[in-house]
Amino acid sequence: MSLGPFDALFGFLGRLTNGDLHYAGLLVLVVLLVSLETGIWLGRLGARRHVPTEGEKSSVNFATAGMMGLLAFLLGVSLSMASDRYQQRRDSVLAEANAIGTVWLRASVGTGAEGVALQNLLREYTAVRIAVVGGSNTSPPEELLQRTNSLQSEIWALARTVAERSPTPISGLLLTSLNEMIDLSLTNRRNLNAHVPAYILRLLLTVSIFAVGAVGYGFGLVGSRQHVLSILLLGIWTLAIVLIIDIDRPQSGEVRIDPAPLVWTLQGFGPAK
């Protein structure tokens, strides 16, 4: 869904902020302020050319209320989508932590020396997964994902050696739980990279610009700027939009996914042997 010049505006804002959420919020506030002032100027210009009747003022208020209602609806939809994805990420982190714990327990039953080696690899693997979910400041995401894949290969090879040496129900359960652990890491990766569609955010910002402009037009038409109301309106909408963007960035924003289940799992492993 293309919005023409607005796509160029949003692309410019994205490059200008360079991922800084506070800077992005400031720029959104500035854009909405420009829209409000433009609307006020147009409203005053129209009032000078033609003194509006009460019926015309009511029509403007009715249209503005409709635009604000649509904006509230889009805001609710966007926030709901972002919240759903946030909950999915939390659930997948818990599921992965449980799967790692299951592999750890099964590795300690009847696997001999390979079981100890497997548990040591799981300890390192869990630490890497904590860094992936929590967002590491020292290692780039690509490096952490490569380390995840490498450790998965090592763990699987070791577990396969155990299964080939003694094909028992226990080794079969170990491979099953290990397969589930690897599958859940992919699910977690999918959830961490599942965002609110960009066109939804563009549409939200576009409707915000027009709706705030319509409010400004109504202020200008009646000759009243309503400073306090304007500040509250722009501040609330900016905070709401920034909150949606923040929730949608689980590894770099302020609202992050808590890797606590993985941390608890690692703590449950006890001291290294």
C-alpha atoms as a PDB file:
ATOM      1  CA  MET A   1       0.000   0.000   0.000  1.00  0.00           C
ATOM      2  CA  SER A   2       1.713   3.155  -1.214  1.00  0.00           C
ATOM      3  CA  LEU A   3       0.963   6.582   0.200  1.00  0.00           C
ATOM      4  CA  GLY A   4       3.019   8.513  -2.323  1.00  0.00           C
ATOM      5  CA  PRO A   5       4.768  11.540  -0.820  1.00  0.00           C
ATOM      6  CA  PHE A   6       4.022  10.311   2.699  1.00  0.00           C
ATOM      7  CA  ASP A   7       6.145   7.215   2.030  1.00  0.00           C
ATOM      8  CA  ALA A   8       9.022   9.532   1.149  1.00  0.00           C
ATOM      9  CA  LEU A   9       8.384  11.538   4.333  1.00  0.00           C
ATOM     10  CA  PHE A  10       8.379   8.444   6.539  1.00  0.00           C
ATOM     11  CA  GLY A  11      11.487   7.093   4.827  1.00  0.00           C
ATOM     12  CA  PHE A  12      13.215  10.415   5.455  1.00  0.00           C
ATOM     13  CA  LEU A  13      12.157  10.416   9.103  1.00  0.00           C
ATOM     14  CA  GLY A  14      13.395   6.833   9.500  1.00  0.00           C
ATOM     15  CA  ARG A  15      16.812   7.682   8.085  1.00  0.00           C
ATOM     16  CA  LEU A  16      16.988  10.853  10.149  1.00  0.00           C
ATOM     17  CA  THR A  17      16.237   9.131  13.459  1.00  0.00           C
ATOM     18  CA  ASN A  18      18.562   6.187  12.722  1.00  0.00           C
ATOM     19  CA  GLY A  19      16.687   3.965  15.162  1.00  0.00           C
ATOM     20  CA  ASP A  20      16.690   6.462  18.057  1.00  0.00           C
ATOM     21  CA  LEU A  21      13.231   6.166  19.594  1.00  0.00           C
ATOM     22  CA  HIS A  22      13.415   9.447  21.533  1.00  0.00           C
ATOM     23  CA  TYR A  23      14.495  11.323  18.428  1.00  0.00           C
ATOM     24  CA  ALA A  24      11.713   9.636  16.455  1.00  0.00           C
ATOM     25  CA  GLY A  25       9.158  10.770  19.039  1.00  0.00           C
ATOM     26  CA  LEU A  26      10.449  14.334  18.816  1.00  0.00           C
ATOM     27  CA  LEU A  27      10.195  14.312  15.024  1.00  0.00           C
ATOM     28  CA  VAL A  28       6.647  12.908  15.133  1.00  0.00           C
ATOM     29  CA  LEU A  29       5.713  15.700  17.540  1.00  0.00           C
ATOM     30  CA  VAL A  30       7.239  18.292  15.200  1.00  0.00           C
ATOM     31  CA  VAL A  31       5.395  16.873  12.181  1.00  0.00           C
ATOM     32  CA  LEU A  32       2.079  16.936  14.048  1.00  0.00           C
ATOM     33  CA  LEU A  33       2.783  20.466  15.275  1.00  0.00           C
ATOM     34  CA  VAL A  34       3.429  21.618  11.694  1.00  0.00           C
ATOM     35  CA  SER A  35       0.162  19.957  10.641  1.00  0.00           C
ATOM     36  CA  LEU A  36      -1.718  21.724  13.455  1.00  0.00           C
ATOM     37  CA  GLU A  37      -0.235  25.135  12.623  1.00  0.00           C
ATOM     38  CA  THR A  38      -0.967  24.625   8.927  1.00  0.00           C
ATOM     39  CA  GLY A  39      -4.566  23.805   9.759  1.00  0.00           C
ATOM     40  CA  ILE A  40      -4.870  26.902  11.963  1.00  0.00           C
ATOM     41  CA  TRP A  41      -3.458  29.083   9.187  1.00  0.00           C
ATOM     42  CA  LEU A  42      -5.879  27.634   6.632  1.00  0.00           C
ATOM     43  CA  GLY A  43      -8.793  28.072   9.059  1.00  0.00           C
ATOM     44  CA  ARG A  44      -7.950  31.721   9.671  1.00  0.00           C
ATOM     45  CA  LEU A  45      -7.516  32.282   5.954  1.00  0.00           C
ATOM     46  CA  GLY A  46     -10.952  30.805   5.284  1.00  0.00           C
ATOM     47  CA  ALA A  47     -12.538  32.849   8.101  1.00  0.00           C
ATOM     48  CA  ARG A  48     -11.118  36.092   6.633  1.00  0.00           C
ATOM     49  CA  ARG A  49     -12.531  35.307   3.210  1.00  0.00           C
ATOM     50  CA  HIS A  50     -15.916  34.228   4.505  1.00  0.00           C
ATOM     51  CA  VAL A  51     -17.335  34.485   7.992  1.00  0.00           C
ATOM     52  CA  PRO A  52     -18.465  30.947   8.790  1.00  0.00           C
ATOM     53  CA  THR A  53     -22.020  30.358   9.902  1.00  0.00           C
ATOM     54  CA  GLU A  54     -22.904  28.174  12.872  1.00  0.00           C
ATOM     55  CA  GLY A  55     -23.971  25.446  10.458  1.00  0.00           C
ATOM     56  CA  GLU A  56     -20.573  25.527   8.727  1.00  0.00           C
ATOM     57  CA  LYS A  57     -18.787  25.373  12.078  1.00  0.00           C
ATOM     58  CA  SER A  58     -20.897  22.392  13.081  1.00  0.00           C
ATOM     59  CA  SER A  59     -20.059  20.679   9.788  1.00  0.00           C
ATOM     60  CA  VAL A  60     -16.339  21.197  10.389  1.00  0.00           C
ATOM     61  CA  ASN A  61     -16.658  19.867  13.935  1.00  0.00           C
ATOM     62  CA  PHE A  62     -18.591  16.837  12.670  1.00  0.00           C
ATOM     63  CA  ALA A  63     -15.950  16.040  10.023  1.00  0.00           C
ATOM     64  CA  THR A  64     -13.135  16.539  12.532  1.00  0.00           C
ATOM     65  CA  ALA A  65     -14.827  14.240  15.043  1.00  0.00           C
ATOM     66  CA  GLY A  66     -15.126  11.584  12.338  1.00  0.00           C
ATOM     67  CA  MET A  67     -11.431  11.831  11.492  1.00  0.00           C
ATOM     68  CA  MET A  68     -10.455  11.665  15.151  1.00  0.00           C
ATOM     69  CA  GLY A  69     -12.692   8.621  15.581  1.00  0.00           C
ATOM     70  CA  LEU A  70     -10.976   6.900  12.647  1.00  0.00           C
ATOM     71  CA  LEU A  71      -7.627   7.829  14.138  1.00  0.00           C
ATOM     72  CA  ALA A  72      -8.623   6.343  17.493  1.00  0.00           C
ATOM     73  CA  PHE A  73      -9.718   3.152  15.719  1.00  0.00           C
ATOM     74  CA  LEU A  74      -6.416   2.858  13.833  1.00  0.00           C
ATOM     75  CA  LEU A  75      -4.530   3.513  17.040  1.00  0.00           C
ATOM     76  CA  GLY A  76      -6.452   0.758  18.803  1.00  0.00           C
ATOM     77  CA  VAL A  77      -5.839  -1.695  15.946  1.00  0.00           C
ATOM     78  CA  SER A  78      -2.127  -0.888  15.818  1.00  0.00           C
ATOM     79  CA  LEU A  79      -1.733  -1.162  19.589  1.00  0.00           C
ATOM     80  CA  SER A  80      -3.627  -4.462  19.597  1.00  0.00           C
ATOM     81  CA  MET A  81      -1.385  -5.882  16.857  1.00  0.00           C
ATOM     82  CA  ALA A  82       1.757  -4.766  18.671  1.00  0.00           C
ATOM     83  CA  SER A  83       0.486  -6.161  21.996  1.00  0.00           C
ATOM     84  CA  ASP A  84      -0.416  -9.521  20.406  1.00  0.00           C
ATOM     85  CA  ARG A  85       3.074  -9.851  18.982  1.00  0.00           C
ATOM     86  CA  TYR A  86       4.575  -8.894  22.334  1.00  0.00           C
ATOM     87  CA  GLN A  87       2.587 -11.654  24.063  1.00  0.00           C
ATOM     88  CA  GLN A  88       3.592 -14.184  21.394  1.00  0.00           C
ATOM     89  CA  ARG A  89       7.242 -13.349  22.012  1.00  0.00           C
ATOM     90  CA  ARG A  90       6.846 -13.822  25.763  1.00  0.00           C
ATOM     91  CA  ASP A  91       5.109 -17.160  25.281  1.00  0.00           C
ATOM     92  CA  SER A  92       7.737 -18.449  22.857  1.00  0.00           C
ATOM     93  CA  VAL A  93      10.569 -17.480  25.228  1.00  0.00           C
ATOM     94  CA  LEU A  94       8.903 -19.457  28.042  1.00  0.00           C
ATOM     95  CA  ALA A  95       8.317 -22.435  25.749  1.00  0.00           C
ATOM     96  CA  GLU A  96      11.942 -22.428  24.600  1.00  0.00           C
ATOM     97  CA  ALA A  97      13.196 -22.206  28.197  1.00  0.00           C
ATOM     98  CA  ASN A  98      11.062 -25.216  29.142  1.00  0.00           C
ATOM     99  CA  ALA A  99      12.339 -27.163  26.128  1.00  0.00           C
ATOM    100  CA  ILE A 100      15.978 -26.445  27.043  1.00  0.00           C
ATOM    101  CA  GLY A 101      15.308 -27.562  30.610  1.00  0.00           C
ATOM    102  CA  THR A 102      13.781 -30.807  29.332  1.00  0.00           C
ATOM    103  CA  VAL A 103      16.828 -31.542  27.173  1.00  0.00           C
ATOM    104  CA  TRP A 104      19.078 -30.835  30.153  1.00  0.00           C
ATOM    105  CA  LEU A 105      17.234 -33.316  32.368  1.00  0.00           C
ATOM    106  CA  ARG A 106      17.137 -36.056  29.742  1.00  0.00           C
ATOM    107  CA  ALA A 107      20.842 -35.557  28.969  1.00  0.00           C
ATOM    108  CA  SER A 108      21.639 -36.564  32.540  1.00  0.00           C
ATOM    109  CA  VAL A 109      19.887 -39.958  32.299  1.00  0.00           C
ATOM    110  CA  GLY A 110      21.913 -42.869  30.966  1.00  0.00           C
ATOM    111  CA  THR A 111      24.087 -40.912  28.538  1.00  0.00           C
ATOM    112  CA  GLY A 112      27.466 -41.281  30.260  1.00  0.00           C
ATOM    113  CA  ALA A 113      30.289 -38.862  29.515  1.00  0.00           C
ATOM    114  CA  GLU A 114      28.432 -37.494  26.502  1.00  0.00           C
ATOM    115  CA  GLY A 115      25.689 -36.351  28.861  1.00  0.00           C
ATOM    116  CA  VAL A 116      28.089 -34.132  30.794  1.00  0.00           C
ATOM    117  CA  ALA A 117      29.468 -32.703  27.542  1.00  0.00           C
ATOM    118  CA  LEU A 118      25.922 -32.179  26.305  1.00  0.00           C
ATOM    119  CA  GLN A 119      24.977 -30.307  29.463  1.00  0.00           C
ATOM    120  CA  ASN A 120      28.039 -28.068  29.144  1.00  0.00           C
ATOM    121  CA  LEU A 121      27.007 -27.209  25.581  1.00  0.00           C
ATOM    122  CA  LEU A 122      23.459 -26.534  26.767  1.00  0.00           C
ATOM    123  CA  ARG A 123      24.795 -24.169  29.408  1.00  0.00           C
ATOM    124  CA  GLU A 124      26.627 -22.159  26.743  1.00  0.00           C
ATOM    125  CA  TYR A 125      23.657 -22.406  24.397  1.00  0.00           C
ATOM    126  CA  THR A 126      21.271 -20.999  27.013  1.00  0.00           C
ATOM    127  CA  ALA A 127      23.583 -18.052  27.655  1.00  0.00           C
ATOM    128  CA  VAL A 128      23.597 -17.293  23.926  1.00  0.00           C
ATOM    129  CA  ARG A 129      19.805 -17.508  23.761  1.00  0.00           C
ATOM    130  CA  ILE A 130      19.541 -15.055  26.667  1.00  0.00           C
ATOM    131  CA  ALA A 131      21.693 -12.605  24.693  1.00  0.00           C
ATOM    132  CA  VAL A 132      19.547 -13.119  21.589  1.00  0.00           C
ATOM    133  CA  VAL A 133      16.254 -12.475  23.366  1.00  0.00           C
ATOM    134  CA  GLY A 134      17.449  -9.656  25.604  1.00  0.00           C
ATOM    135  CA  GLY A 135      19.410  -7.866  22.886  1.00  0.00           C
ATOM    136  CA  SER A 136      23.149  -7.896  23.470  1.00  0.00           C
ATOM    137  CA  ASN A 137      25.115  -4.649  23.461  1.00  0.00           C
ATOM    138  CA  THR A 138      28.404  -6.428  22.768  1.00  0.00           C
ATOM    139  CA  SER A 139      27.547  -8.899  20.004  1.00  0.00           C
ATOM    140  CA  PRO A 140      25.572  -8.144  16.827  1.00  0.00           C
ATOM    141  CA  PRO A 141      22.390 -10.199  16.261  1.00  0.00           C
ATOM    142  CA  GLU A 142      23.877 -11.950  13.216  1.00  0.00           C
ATOM    143  CA  GLU A 143      26.822 -13.196  15.251  1.00  0.00           C
ATOM    144  CA  LEU A 144      24.537 -14.487  18.006  1.00  0.00           C
ATOM    145  CA  LEU A 145      22.354 -16.308  15.487  1.00  0.00           C
ATOM    146  CA  GLN A 146      25.411 -17.900  13.890  1.00  0.00           C
ATOM    147  CA  ARG A 147      26.582 -19.039  17.316  1.00  0.00           C
ATOM    148  CA  THR A 148      23.107 -20.436  17.989  1.00  0.00           C
ATOM    149  CA  ASN A 149      23.192 -22.489  14.789  1.00  0.00           C
ATOM    150  CA  SER A 150      26.719 -23.694  15.498  1.00  0.00           C
ATOM    151  CA  LEU A 151      25.849 -24.858  19.016  1.00  0.00           C
ATOM    152  CA  GLN A 152      22.690 -26.545  17.774  1.00  0.00           C
ATOM    153  CA  SER A 153      24.767 -28.544  15.300  1.00  0.00           C
ATOM    154  CA  GLU A 154      27.234 -29.557  18.013  1.00  0.00           C
ATOM    155  CA  ILE A 155      24.498 -30.533  20.449  1.00  0.00           C
ATOM    156  CA  TRP A 156      22.628 -32.530  17.808  1.00  0.00           C
ATOM    157  CA  ALA A 157      25.783 -34.358  16.696  1.00  0.00           C
ATOM    158  CA  LEU A 158      26.578 -35.321  20.283  1.00  0.00           C
ATOM    159  CA  ALA A 159      23.011 -36.480  20.950  1.00  0.00           C
ATOM    160  CA  ARG A 160      23.038 -38.525  17.738  1.00  0.00           C
ATOM    161  CA  THR A 161      26.238 -40.220  18.874  1.00  0.00           C
ATOM    162  CA  VAL A 162      24.500 -41.208  22.103  1.00  0.00           C
ATOM    163  CA  ALA A 163      21.460 -42.525  20.202  1.00  0.00           C
ATOM    164  CA  GLU A 164      23.557 -44.526  17.738  1.00  0.00           C
ATOM    165  CA  ARG A 165      25.637 -46.074  20.514  1.00  0.00           C
ATOM    166  CA  SER A 166      22.665 -47.059  22.651  1.00  0.00           C
ATOM    167  CA  PRO A 167      19.314 -46.785  20.823  1.00  0.00           C
ATOM    168  CA  THR A 168      17.085 -46.848  23.883  1.00  0.00           C
ATOM    169  CA  PRO A 169      13.775 -45.118  24.651  1.00  0.00           C
ATOM    170  CA  ILE A 170      15.744 -42.602  26.728  1.00  0.00           C
ATOM    171  CA  SER A 171      17.981 -41.620  23.801  1.00  0.00           C
ATOM    172  CA  GLY A 172      14.883 -41.420  21.607  1.00  0.00           C
ATOM    173  CA  LEU A 173      13.231 -39.030  24.051  1.00  0.00           C
ATOM    174  CA  LEU A 174      16.438 -36.996  24.141  1.00  0.00           C
ATOM    175  CA  LEU A 175      16.394 -36.555  20.355  1.00  0.00           C
ATOM    176  CA  THR A 176      12.698 -35.685  20.431  1.00  0.00           C
ATOM    177  CA  SER A 177      13.129 -32.985  23.076  1.00  0.00           C
ATOM    178  CA  LEU A 178      16.229 -31.675  21.311  1.00  0.00           C
ATOM    179  CA  ASN A 179      14.316 -31.425  18.050  1.00  0.00           C
ATOM    180  CA  GLU A 180      11.591 -29.481  19.860  1.00  0.00           C
ATOM    181  CA  MET A 181      14.189 -27.147  21.374  1.00  0.00           C
ATOM    182  CA  ILE A 182      15.645 -26.363  17.945  1.00  0.00           C
ATOM    183  CA  ASP A 183      12.184 -25.840  16.446  1.00  0.00           C
ATOM    184  CA  LEU A 184      11.257 -23.415  19.238  1.00  0.00           C
ATOM    185  CA  SER A 185      14.415 -21.375  18.637  1.00  0.00           C
ATOM    186  CA  LEU A 186      13.161 -20.836  15.087  1.00  0.00           C
ATOM    187  CA  THR A 187       9.700 -19.959  16.383  1.00  0.00           C
ATOM    188  CA  ASN A 188      11.276 -17.468  18.762  1.00  0.00           C
ATOM    189  CA  ARG A 189      13.296 -15.956  15.929  1.00  0.00           C
ATOM    190  CA  ARG A 190      10.148 -15.617  13.846  1.00  0.00           C
ATOM    191  CA  ASN A 191       8.308 -13.921  16.702  1.00  0.00           C
ATOM    192  CA  LEU A 192      11.173 -11.521  17.418  1.00  0.00           C
ATOM    193  CA  ASN A 193      11.121 -10.456  13.767  1.00  0.00           C
ATOM    194  CA  ALA A 194       7.321 -10.279  13.430  1.00  0.00           C
ATOM    195  CA  HIS A 195       6.346  -6.602  13.389  1.00  0.00           C
ATOM    196  CA  VAL A 196       3.251  -4.540  12.835  1.00  0.00           C
ATOM    197  CA  PRO A 197       3.032  -4.149   9.030  1.00  0.00           C
ATOM    198  CA  ALA A 198       4.798  -1.001   7.888  1.00  0.00           C
ATOM    199  CA  TYR A 199       1.771   0.158   5.895  1.00  0.00           C
ATOM    200  CA  ILE A 200      -0.312   0.138   9.099  1.00  0.00           C
ATOM    201  CA  LEU A 201       2.153   2.492  10.792  1.00  0.00           C
ATOM    202  CA  ARG A 202       2.340   4.691   7.705  1.00  0.00           C
ATOM    203  CA  LEU A 203      -1.443   4.858   7.561  1.00  0.00           C
ATOM    204  CA  LEU A 204      -1.604   5.690  11.274  1.00  0.00           C
ATOM    205  CA  LEU A 205       0.854   8.546  10.886  1.00  0.00           C
ATOM    206  CA  THR A 206      -0.851   9.794   7.718  1.00  0.00           C
ATOM    207  CA  VAL A 207      -4.310   9.876   9.320  1.00  0.00           C
ATOM    208  CA  SER A 208      -2.746  11.553  12.383  1.00  0.00           C
ATOM    209  CA  ILE A 209      -1.377  14.338  10.193  1.00  0.00           C
ATOM    210  CA  PHE A 210      -4.732  14.935   8.497  1.00  0.00           C
ATOM    211  CA  ALA A 211      -6.764  14.633  11.701  1.00  0.00           C
ATOM    212  CA  VAL A 212      -4.538  17.040  13.640  1.00  0.00           C
ATOM    213  CA  GLY A 213      -4.636  19.398  10.649  1.00  0.00           C
ATOM    214  CA  ALA A 214      -8.443  19.257  10.725  1.00  0.00           C
ATOM    215  CA  VAL A 215      -8.418  20.112  14.431  1.00  0.00           C
ATOM    216  CA  GLY A 216      -6.176  23.066  13.696  1.00  0.00           C
ATOM    217  CA  TYR A 217      -8.492  24.168  10.894  1.00  0.00           C
ATOM    218  CA  GLY A 218     -11.394  24.171  13.334  1.00  0.00           C
ATOM    219  CA  PHE A 219      -9.379  26.247  15.804  1.00  0.00           C
ATOM    220  CA  GLY A 220      -8.464  28.741  13.115  1.00  0.00           C
ATOM    221  CA  LEU A 221     -12.001  28.957  11.814  1.00  0.00           C
ATOM    222  CA  VAL A 222     -13.363  30.082  15.196  1.00  0.00           C
ATOM    223  CA  GLY A 223     -10.287  32.216  15.955  1.00  0.00           C
ATOM    224  CA  SER A 224      -9.154  30.295  19.030  1.00  0.00           C
ATOM    225  CA  ARG A 225      -5.826  28.444  19.223  1.00  0.00           C
ATOM    226  CA  GLN A 226      -6.581  26.471  22.396  1.00  0.00           C
ATOM    227  CA  HIS A 227      -2.941  26.208  23.491  1.00  0.00           C
ATOM    228  CA  VAL A 228      -3.448  23.827  26.433  1.00  0.00           C
ATOM    229  CA  LEU A 229      -5.755  21.517  24.479  1.00  0.00           C
ATOM    230  CA  SER A 230      -3.344  21.518  21.533  1.00  0.00           C
ATOM    231  CA  ILE A 231      -0.378  20.574  23.726  1.00  0.00           C
ATOM    232  CA  LEU A 232      -2.336  17.773  25.397  1.00  0.00           C
ATOM    233  CA  LEU A 233      -3.616  16.453  22.069  1.00  0.00           C
ATOM    234  CA  LEU A 234      -0.229  16.399  20.346  1.00  0.00           C
ATOM    235  CA  GLY A 235       1.516  15.001  23.407  1.00  0.00           C
ATOM    236  CA  ILE A 236      -0.960  12.142  23.872  1.00  0.00           C
ATOM    237  CA  TRP A 237      -0.980  11.105  20.217  1.00  0.00           C
ATOM    238  CA  THR A 238       2.811  11.284  19.984  1.00  0.00           C
ATOM    239  CA  LEU A 239       3.234   9.133  23.091  1.00  0.00           C
ATOM    240  CA  ALA A 240       0.716   6.608  21.758  1.00  0.00           C
ATOM    241  CA  ILE A 241       2.452   6.317  18.380  1.00  0.00           C
ATOM    242  CA  VAL A 242       5.891   6.050  19.977  1.00  0.00           C
ATOM    243  CA  LEU A 243       4.591   3.368  22.367  1.00  0.00           C
ATOM    244  CA  ILE A 244       3.378   1.260  19.433  1.00  0.00           C
ATOM    245  CA  ILE A 245       6.734   1.604  17.675  1.00  0.00           C
ATOM    246  CA  ASP A 246       8.543   0.784  20.919  1.00  0.00           C
ATOM    247  CA  ILE A 247       6.548  -2.396  21.611  1.00  0.00           C
ATOM    248  CA  ASP A 248       7.204  -3.419  18.012  1.00  0.00           C
ATOM    249  CA  ARG A 249      10.989  -3.315  18.591  1.00  0.00           C
ATOM    250  CA  PRO A 250      11.551  -6.057  21.209  1.00  0.00           C
ATOM    251  CA  GLN A 251      15.360  -6.070  21.069  1.00  0.00           C
ATOM    252  CA  SER A 252      16.204  -2.385  20.760  1.00  0.00           C
ATOM    253  CA  GLY A 253      13.408  -0.310  22.303  1.00  0.00           C
ATOM    254  CA  GLU A 254      12.535   0.524  25.872  1.00  0.00           C
ATOM    255  CA  VAL A 255       9.824  -2.160  26.110  1.00  0.00           C
ATOM    256  CA  ARG A 256      11.868  -5.347  25.671  1.00  0.00           C
ATOM    257  CA  ILE A 257      11.102  -9.022  26.045  1.00  0.00           C
ATOM    258  CA  ASP A 258      12.271 -10.244  29.435  1.00  0.00           C
ATOM    259  CA  PRO A 259      14.568 -13.284  29.052  1.00  0.00           C
ATOM    260  CA  ALA A 260      13.894 -14.244  32.703  1.00  0.00           C
ATOM    261  CA  PRO A 261      12.615 -17.789  31.899  1.00  0.00           C
ATOM    262  CA  LEU A 262      15.897 -18.535  30.123  1.00  0.00           C
ATOM    263  CA  VAL A 263      17.867 -16.971  32.980  1.00  0.00           C
ATOM    264  CA  TRP A 264      15.992 -19.112  35.500  1.00  0.00           C
ATOM    265  CA  THR A 265      16.682 -22.194  33.394  1.00  0.00           C
ATOM    266  CA  LEU A 266      20.396 -21.396  33.320  1.00  0.00           C
ATOM    267  CA  GLN A 267      20.404 -20.825  37.063  1.00  0.00           C
ATOM    268  CA  GLY A 268      18.652 -24.166  37.530  1.00  0.00           C
ATOM    269  CA  PHE A 269      21.570 -25.948  35.863  1.00  0.00           C
ATOM    270  CA  GLY A 270      23.677 -25.260  38.963  1.00  0.00           C
ATOM    271  CA  PRO A 271      27.468 -24.843  38.960  1.00  0.00           C
ATOM    272  CA  ALA A 272      29.417 -26.046  35.918  1.00  0.00           C
ATOM    273  CA  LYS A 273      31.052 -29.451  36.208  1.00  0.00           C
END
